[in-house]
Amino acid sequence: MTPPRAASHVLTMPDPLGYPRPMIDAAGLRVMKAIADEGSFTAAASSLGYSQPAISQMVRRLEQRTGTALVERVGRCVRLTEAGHVLARHAVSVLAAIDAAEEEVAAIAGLRTGRVRLMAFPSGSATLVPQALALVRRRYPDVSVRFAEAEPPESLAALRAGDCDIAVAFTYEGTDLGRGETDLDLFESQRLLDDEVHLVVPADHRLAGQDSADIADLADELWIAGCPRCRGHLVQVCQDAGFAPRVTFETEDYVAVLGFVAAGLGVALIPDLILSSASNPGVTVLPIKPASRRTVWAVTTADLRRVPAVEATMTALTESATRISCRHSAAV
């Protein structure tokens, strides 16, 4: 007598690319639940919008994958086996989770919700960012934007590490965003605006009554320096004019820089964005020769730009920058 063949328990099925195929899929679970609810292939097919042969084929395929019978026919009706009942029972929670996931993804894709992590340098966070966030909130009230302040080296490193989605950063002429600190090939940058750099001197300074100042005439001055990138720019501008600046104080707080200048402790180079958000009656602001500027960028990645909430925030930053540029142009 030939011994009975052991049941074959198929855990996975290979697909054409060689990767394991799931033993149970969502479509199969929906069919099992419909059969449990309706009591026949025909009624299950009607409730799901399938043909009866399609339901039969899906059940056979699922039985092949699981290696066991899932339904048994009783007259014109079918009923689930013990394994079939297990699948139908688990289908309720699994399908609910899938439906919830689909709804959440659809909400993100439709900008009904979403989250963006934004980082910006201080003068950008005082000018560009508030207007942009106001635009996002007005247009997409359920999109959440989380904000943190950081200078470009830190914000770009956070973007590279996946800790933020958009970094608002800046470069001075002759430098790039990374400055050797990170791989620019990972990033996609949107130019926001050009930010003119001005000389700030005490109100009673010898140059205060002039229309502009030549950097070469400032070789004997004491200087107040800002953030590391701004200090590097100051050194480069002065070196191009033929001298090395004597930096006596350094601070990333530009309100403090203006205070130092007003007190007669030195002069400073300060971009327009800072001057538009901070002022001091004890200083005079002058254009410089040769002119110098920095460029402000919104930096993300190509993949993140495909996320609707990220792209919406990039658009809002661009609009905010355009408004600021227009105001600067009108003031000149």
Protein backbone atom coordinates (compact mmCIF):
# COMPACT_ATOMS: atom_id res chain seq x y z
CA MET A 1 0.00 0.00 0.00
CA THR A 2 1.39 3.37 -0.97
CA PRO A 3 1.90 5.60 2.09
CA PRO A 4 -0.02 8.87 2.09
CA ARG A 5 1.87 11.86 0.76
CA ALA A 6 2.73 14.50 3.34
CA ALA A 7 0.94 17.80 2.91
CA SER A 8 3.03 20.43 1.19
CA HIS A 9 3.24 23.66 3.26
CA VAL A 10 4.19 26.40 0.84
CA LEU A 11 5.45 29.51 2.67
CA THR A 12 6.41 31.65 -0.32
CA MET A 13 6.16 31.58 -4.09
CA PRO A 14 8.99 32.92 -6.27
CA ASP A 15 8.12 35.73 -8.63
CA PRO A 16 9.71 36.19 -12.08
CA LEU A 17 12.49 38.37 -10.60
CA GLY A 18 13.46 35.70 -8.10
CA TYR A 19 12.12 37.45 -4.99
CA PRO A 20 9.79 35.60 -2.57
CA ARG A 21 6.12 36.25 -3.22
CA PRO A 22 3.88 36.66 -0.14
CA MET A 23 1.88 33.53 0.69
CA ILE A 24 -1.18 35.64 1.53
CA ASP A 25 -2.08 38.96 -0.07
CA ALA A 26 -4.74 41.56 0.60
CA ALA A 27 -6.88 40.44 -2.33
CA GLY A 28 -6.96 36.90 -0.99
CA LEU A 29 -7.95 38.10 2.46
CA ARG A 30 -10.79 40.18 1.02
CA VAL A 31 -12.10 37.11 -0.83
CA MET A 32 -11.97 34.92 2.30
CA LYS A 33 -13.80 37.53 4.36
CA ALA A 34 -16.46 37.94 1.65
CA ILE A 35 -17.05 34.19 1.48
CA ALA A 36 -17.38 34.07 5.28
CA ASP A 37 -19.84 36.96 5.21
CA GLU A 38 -21.91 35.91 2.15
CA GLY A 39 -21.85 32.10 2.32
CA SER A 40 -21.23 31.41 -1.39
CA PHE A 41 -18.81 32.16 -4.21
CA THR A 42 -21.58 33.84 -6.21
CA ALA A 43 -22.62 36.19 -3.38
CA ALA A 44 -18.98 36.91 -2.50
CA ALA A 45 -18.26 37.74 -6.15
CA SER A 46 -21.25 40.09 -6.27
CA SER A 47 -20.20 41.92 -3.09
CA LEU A 48 -16.65 42.44 -4.38
CA GLY A 49 -17.57 43.23 -7.96
CA TYR A 50 -15.79 40.14 -9.35
CA SER A 51 -17.07 37.28 -11.51
CA GLN A 52 -17.78 33.93 -9.83
CA PRO A 53 -15.00 32.16 -11.82
CA ALA A 54 -12.54 34.84 -10.69
CA ILE A 55 -13.42 34.17 -7.05
CA SER A 56 -12.98 30.41 -7.57
CA GLN A 57 -9.60 30.98 -9.20
CA MET A 58 -8.41 33.25 -6.37
CA VAL A 59 -9.43 30.68 -3.77
CA ARG A 60 -7.59 27.90 -5.64
CA ARG A 61 -4.47 30.05 -5.90
CA LEU A 62 -4.62 30.85 -2.20
CA GLU A 63 -5.03 27.16 -1.36
CA GLN A 64 -1.98 26.36 -3.49
CA ARG A 65 0.06 28.99 -1.69
CA THR A 66 -1.02 27.95 1.81
CA GLY A 67 -0.87 24.22 1.05
CA THR A 68 -4.26 23.44 2.59
CA ALA A 69 -7.98 23.52 1.83
CA LEU A 70 -9.70 26.78 2.76
CA VAL A 71 -13.32 26.05 1.72
CA GLU A 72 -15.53 23.00 1.45
CA ARG A 73 -18.66 22.74 -0.66
CA VAL A 74 -21.92 21.74 1.00
CA GLY A 75 -24.61 21.44 -1.66
CA ARG A 76 -24.85 24.81 -3.41
CA CYS A 77 -23.15 26.60 -0.56
CA VAL A 78 -19.58 26.70 0.66
CA ARG A 79 -18.25 26.97 4.13
CA LEU A 80 -14.79 27.73 5.39
CA THR A 81 -12.45 25.13 6.79
CA GLU A 82 -10.60 25.79 10.02
CA ALA A 83 -7.74 27.39 8.02
CA GLY A 84 -10.26 29.43 6.05
CA HIS A 85 -11.79 30.74 9.28
CA VAL A 86 -8.33 31.76 10.51
CA LEU A 87 -7.75 33.83 7.37
CA ALA A 88 -11.23 35.38 7.50
CA ARG A 89 -10.75 36.29 11.18
CA HIS A 90 -7.37 37.95 10.60
CA ALA A 91 -8.66 39.64 7.46
CA VAL A 92 -10.78 42.03 9.53
CA SER A 93 -7.85 43.69 11.32
CA VAL A 94 -5.39 43.39 8.42
CA LEU A 95 -7.76 44.94 5.89
CA ALA A 96 -8.70 47.70 8.34
CA ALA A 97 -5.01 48.53 8.74
CA ILE A 98 -4.49 48.55 4.97
CA ASP A 99 -7.52 50.79 4.45
CA ALA A 100 -6.25 53.17 7.15
CA ALA A 101 -2.79 53.25 5.55
CA GLU A 102 -4.26 53.95 2.12
CA GLU A 103 -6.38 56.77 3.53
CA GLU A 104 -3.39 58.30 5.34
CA VAL A 105 -1.20 58.15 2.23
CA ALA A 106 -4.00 59.63 0.14
CA ALA A 107 -4.29 62.47 2.65
CA ILE A 108 -0.57 63.18 2.39
CA ALA A 109 -0.64 63.02 -1.40
CA GLY A 110 -3.66 65.32 -1.46
CA LEU A 111 -2.08 67.81 0.99
CA ARG A 112 -4.89 67.23 3.50
CA THR A 113 -2.10 66.38 5.92
CA GLY A 114 1.66 65.92 5.95
CA ARG A 115 4.77 66.87 7.90
CA VAL A 116 7.79 68.92 6.86
CA ARG A 117 10.96 69.44 8.91
CA LEU A 118 12.56 72.79 8.07
CA MET A 119 15.87 74.28 9.20
CA ALA A 120 17.11 77.82 8.47
CA PHE A 121 19.92 80.17 9.48
CA PRO A 122 18.97 82.96 11.95
CA SER A 123 18.43 85.90 9.59
CA GLY A 124 16.46 83.65 7.26
CA SER A 125 14.33 82.43 10.16
CA ALA A 126 13.52 86.05 11.03
CA THR A 127 12.52 87.08 7.50
CA LEU A 128 11.95 84.41 4.85
CA VAL A 129 10.63 81.63 7.03
CA PRO A 130 7.72 83.32 8.88
CA GLN A 131 6.09 84.51 5.65
CA ALA A 132 6.54 81.10 4.03
CA LEU A 133 5.07 79.23 7.00
CA ALA A 134 2.11 81.62 7.04
CA LEU A 135 1.47 80.81 3.38
CA VAL A 136 1.62 77.06 4.04
CA ARG A 137 -0.73 77.32 7.02
CA ARG A 138 -3.25 79.43 5.09
CA ARG A 139 -3.27 77.11 2.07
CA TYR A 140 -2.88 73.73 3.81
CA PRO A 141 -4.00 74.10 7.45
CA ASP A 142 -3.47 70.41 8.23
CA VAL A 143 0.14 70.32 7.00
CA SER A 144 2.53 70.51 9.94
CA VAL A 145 5.91 72.24 9.54
CA ARG A 146 8.46 71.72 12.30
CA PHE A 147 11.17 74.36 12.46
CA ALA A 148 14.67 74.48 13.93
CA GLU A 149 17.36 77.13 13.58
CA ALA A 150 20.84 76.21 12.35
CA GLU A 151 23.65 77.67 10.28
CA PRO A 152 24.30 76.04 6.88
CA PRO A 153 26.91 73.47 7.91
CA GLU A 154 24.59 71.99 10.53
CA SER A 155 21.38 72.23 8.48
CA LEU A 156 22.96 70.60 5.43
CA ALA A 157 24.40 67.82 7.58
CA ALA A 158 20.94 67.26 9.06
CA LEU A 159 19.42 67.09 5.56
CA ARG A 160 22.02 64.57 4.51
CA ALA A 161 21.38 62.47 7.63
CA GLY A 162 17.62 62.50 7.03
CA ASP A 163 16.90 64.66 10.08
CA CYS A 164 15.28 67.48 8.09
CA ASP A 165 13.46 67.83 4.76
CA ILE A 166 14.41 71.38 3.72
CA ALA A 167 17.45 73.45 4.69
CA VAL A 168 17.46 77.19 4.02
CA ALA A 169 21.15 77.96 3.53
CA PHE A 170 23.37 80.59 1.95
CA THR A 171 26.58 80.89 -0.02
CA TYR A 172 28.88 83.84 -0.60
CA GLU A 173 30.29 84.58 -4.04
CA GLY A 174 33.02 82.15 -5.02
CA THR A 175 31.90 79.41 -2.61
CA ASP A 176 29.49 76.48 -2.86
CA LEU A 177 26.86 75.23 -0.45
CA GLY A 178 28.90 72.32 0.81
CA ARG A 179 32.27 74.04 1.14
CA GLY A 180 33.74 70.54 1.31
CA GLU A 181 31.51 69.63 4.25
CA THR A 182 29.02 67.41 2.42
CA ASP A 183 28.20 65.81 -0.93
CA LEU A 184 26.27 68.29 -3.09
CA ASP A 185 25.24 65.53 -5.52
CA LEU A 186 22.70 64.43 -2.91
CA PHE A 187 20.92 67.76 -2.94
CA GLU A 188 18.53 69.72 -5.12
CA SER A 189 18.74 73.48 -4.59
CA GLN A 190 16.23 76.24 -5.35
CA ARG A 191 17.71 79.74 -5.57
CA LEU A 192 15.62 82.09 -3.43
CA LEU A 193 17.28 85.51 -3.54
CA ASP A 194 20.52 87.48 -3.71
CA ASP A 195 21.25 89.24 -0.44
CA GLU A 196 23.40 92.36 -0.77
CA VAL A 197 26.13 92.89 1.84
CA HIS A 198 26.61 96.36 3.37
CA LEU A 199 29.16 98.06 5.58
CA VAL A 200 27.95 99.16 9.01
CA VAL A 201 29.91 101.87 10.81
CA PRO A 202 29.28 103.97 13.95
CA ALA A 203 27.02 106.97 13.30
CA ASP A 204 29.93 109.35 13.98
CA HIS A 205 32.43 107.43 11.81
CA ARG A 206 34.54 109.38 9.29
CA LEU A 207 32.78 107.54 6.42
CA ALA A 208 29.24 107.94 7.78
CA GLY A 209 28.42 110.89 5.51
CA GLN A 210 29.51 109.18 2.28
CA ASP A 211 27.25 107.51 -0.28
CA SER A 212 29.36 104.35 -0.30
CA ALA A 213 32.61 102.96 1.05
CA ASP A 214 35.60 101.37 -0.68
CA ILE A 215 36.79 98.29 1.20
CA ALA A 216 40.41 99.28 0.49
CA ASP A 217 39.89 102.40 2.62
CA LEU A 218 39.11 100.26 5.68
CA ALA A 219 42.47 98.57 6.13
CA ASP A 220 43.13 100.30 9.46
CA GLU A 221 39.73 99.54 10.97
CA LEU A 222 38.87 97.07 13.71
CA TRP A 223 36.24 94.54 12.63
CA ILE A 224 33.31 92.74 14.25
CA ALA A 225 32.77 89.31 12.65
CA GLY A 226 29.62 87.17 12.52
CA CYS A 227 29.06 83.44 11.95
CA PRO A 228 31.97 81.29 10.68
CA ARG A 229 30.84 81.55 7.03
CA CYS A 230 30.39 85.31 7.38
CA ARG A 231 33.81 85.63 8.98
CA GLY A 232 35.30 83.71 6.07
CA HIS A 233 33.58 86.09 3.66
CA LEU A 234 34.92 89.12 5.56
CA VAL A 235 38.47 87.77 5.41
CA GLN A 236 38.17 87.06 1.68
CA VAL A 237 36.75 90.51 0.84
CA CYS A 238 39.51 92.24 2.77
CA GLN A 239 42.23 90.04 1.28
CA ASP A 240 40.93 90.87 -2.20
CA ALA A 241 41.29 94.55 -1.25
CA GLY A 242 44.91 93.97 -0.21
CA PHE A 243 44.82 93.61 3.57
CA ALA A 244 43.98 91.23 6.40
CA PRO A 245 41.17 92.42 8.69
CA ARG A 246 41.86 92.87 12.39
CA VAL A 247 38.91 91.03 13.96
CA THR A 248 38.46 92.08 17.58
CA PHE A 249 35.06 90.50 18.39
CA GLU A 250 33.06 87.59 16.96
CA THR A 251 29.38 86.81 17.59
CA GLU A 252 26.62 85.08 15.65
CA ASP A 253 24.08 87.44 17.25
CA TYR A 254 23.75 90.30 14.77
CA VAL A 255 21.87 92.46 17.25
CA ALA A 256 25.06 92.24 19.31
CA VAL A 257 27.16 93.04 16.21
CA LEU A 258 25.15 96.24 15.70
CA GLY A 259 25.58 97.05 19.38
CA PHE A 260 29.36 96.63 19.18
CA VAL A 261 29.49 98.85 16.10
CA ALA A 262 27.27 101.52 17.70
CA ALA A 263 29.61 101.54 20.71
CA GLY A 264 32.56 102.34 18.43
CA LEU A 265 34.26 98.98 18.90
CA GLY A 266 34.65 98.30 15.17
CA VAL A 267 32.90 98.09 11.81
CA ALA A 268 31.12 95.12 10.22
CA LEU A 269 29.78 93.65 6.99
CA ILE A 270 26.10 92.72 7.34
CA PRO A 271 23.68 91.33 4.70
CA ASP A 272 20.36 93.03 3.88
CA LEU A 273 18.24 90.25 5.40
CA ILE A 274 19.76 90.96 8.79
CA LEU A 275 19.43 94.73 8.42
CA SER A 276 15.76 94.34 7.50
CA SER A 277 15.04 92.53 10.78
CA ALA A 278 17.45 94.34 13.14
CA SER A 279 18.42 97.99 13.46
CA ASN A 280 20.33 100.33 15.75
CA PRO A 281 20.11 104.14 15.67
CA GLY A 282 23.79 104.37 16.55
CA VAL A 283 25.02 102.97 13.21
CA THR A 284 25.15 104.05 9.56
CA VAL A 285 24.71 101.56 6.71
CA LEU A 286 26.70 102.04 3.50
CA PRO A 287 26.96 100.18 0.17
CA ILE A 288 30.45 98.81 -0.44
CA LYS A 289 32.81 98.87 -3.41
CA PRO A 290 33.32 96.41 -4.93
CA ALA A 291 29.78 95.17 -4.30
CA SER A 292 29.35 91.81 -2.59
CA ARG A 293 26.40 89.56 -1.95
CA ARG A 294 25.37 86.17 -0.72
CA THR A 295 22.80 83.85 -2.33
CA VAL A 296 20.08 82.23 -0.25
CA TRP A 297 18.94 78.73 -1.22
CA ALA A 298 16.21 76.28 -0.27
CA VAL A 299 17.89 72.86 -0.30
CA THR A 300 16.23 69.45 -0.33
CA THR A 301 16.60 66.20 -2.30
CA ALA A 302 15.01 65.06 -5.56
CA ASP A 303 13.06 62.33 -3.74
CA LEU A 304 11.76 64.71 -1.08
CA ARG A 305 10.55 67.14 -3.75
CA ARG A 306 8.11 64.43 -4.84
CA VAL A 307 6.44 64.70 -1.40
CA PRO A 308 3.56 67.18 -1.87
CA ALA A 309 4.00 68.90 1.53
CA VAL A 310 7.72 69.43 0.90
CA GLU A 311 7.10 70.86 -2.57
CA ALA A 312 4.37 73.11 -1.19
CA THR A 313 6.81 74.47 1.40
CA MET A 314 9.50 75.01 -1.25
CA THR A 315 6.94 77.00 -3.29
CA ALA A 316 6.02 79.10 -0.25
CA LEU A 317 9.70 79.86 0.45
CA THR A 318 10.15 80.97 -3.17
CA GLU A 319 7.10 83.26 -2.94
CA SER A 320 8.30 84.70 0.36
CA ALA A 321 11.73 85.41 -1.16
CA THR A 322 10.14 87.13 -4.17
CA ARG A 323 8.16 89.44 -1.89
CA ILE A 324 11.27 90.34 0.09
CA SER A 325 13.28 90.99 -3.09
CA CYS A 326 10.52 93.25 -4.41
CA ARG A 327 10.47 95.25 -1.18
CA HIS A 328 14.25 95.65 -1.29
CA SER A 329 14.11 96.79 -4.91
CA ALA A 330 11.40 99.34 -4.12
CA ALA A 331 13.45 100.71 -1.21
CA VAL A 332 16.59 101.28 -3.30
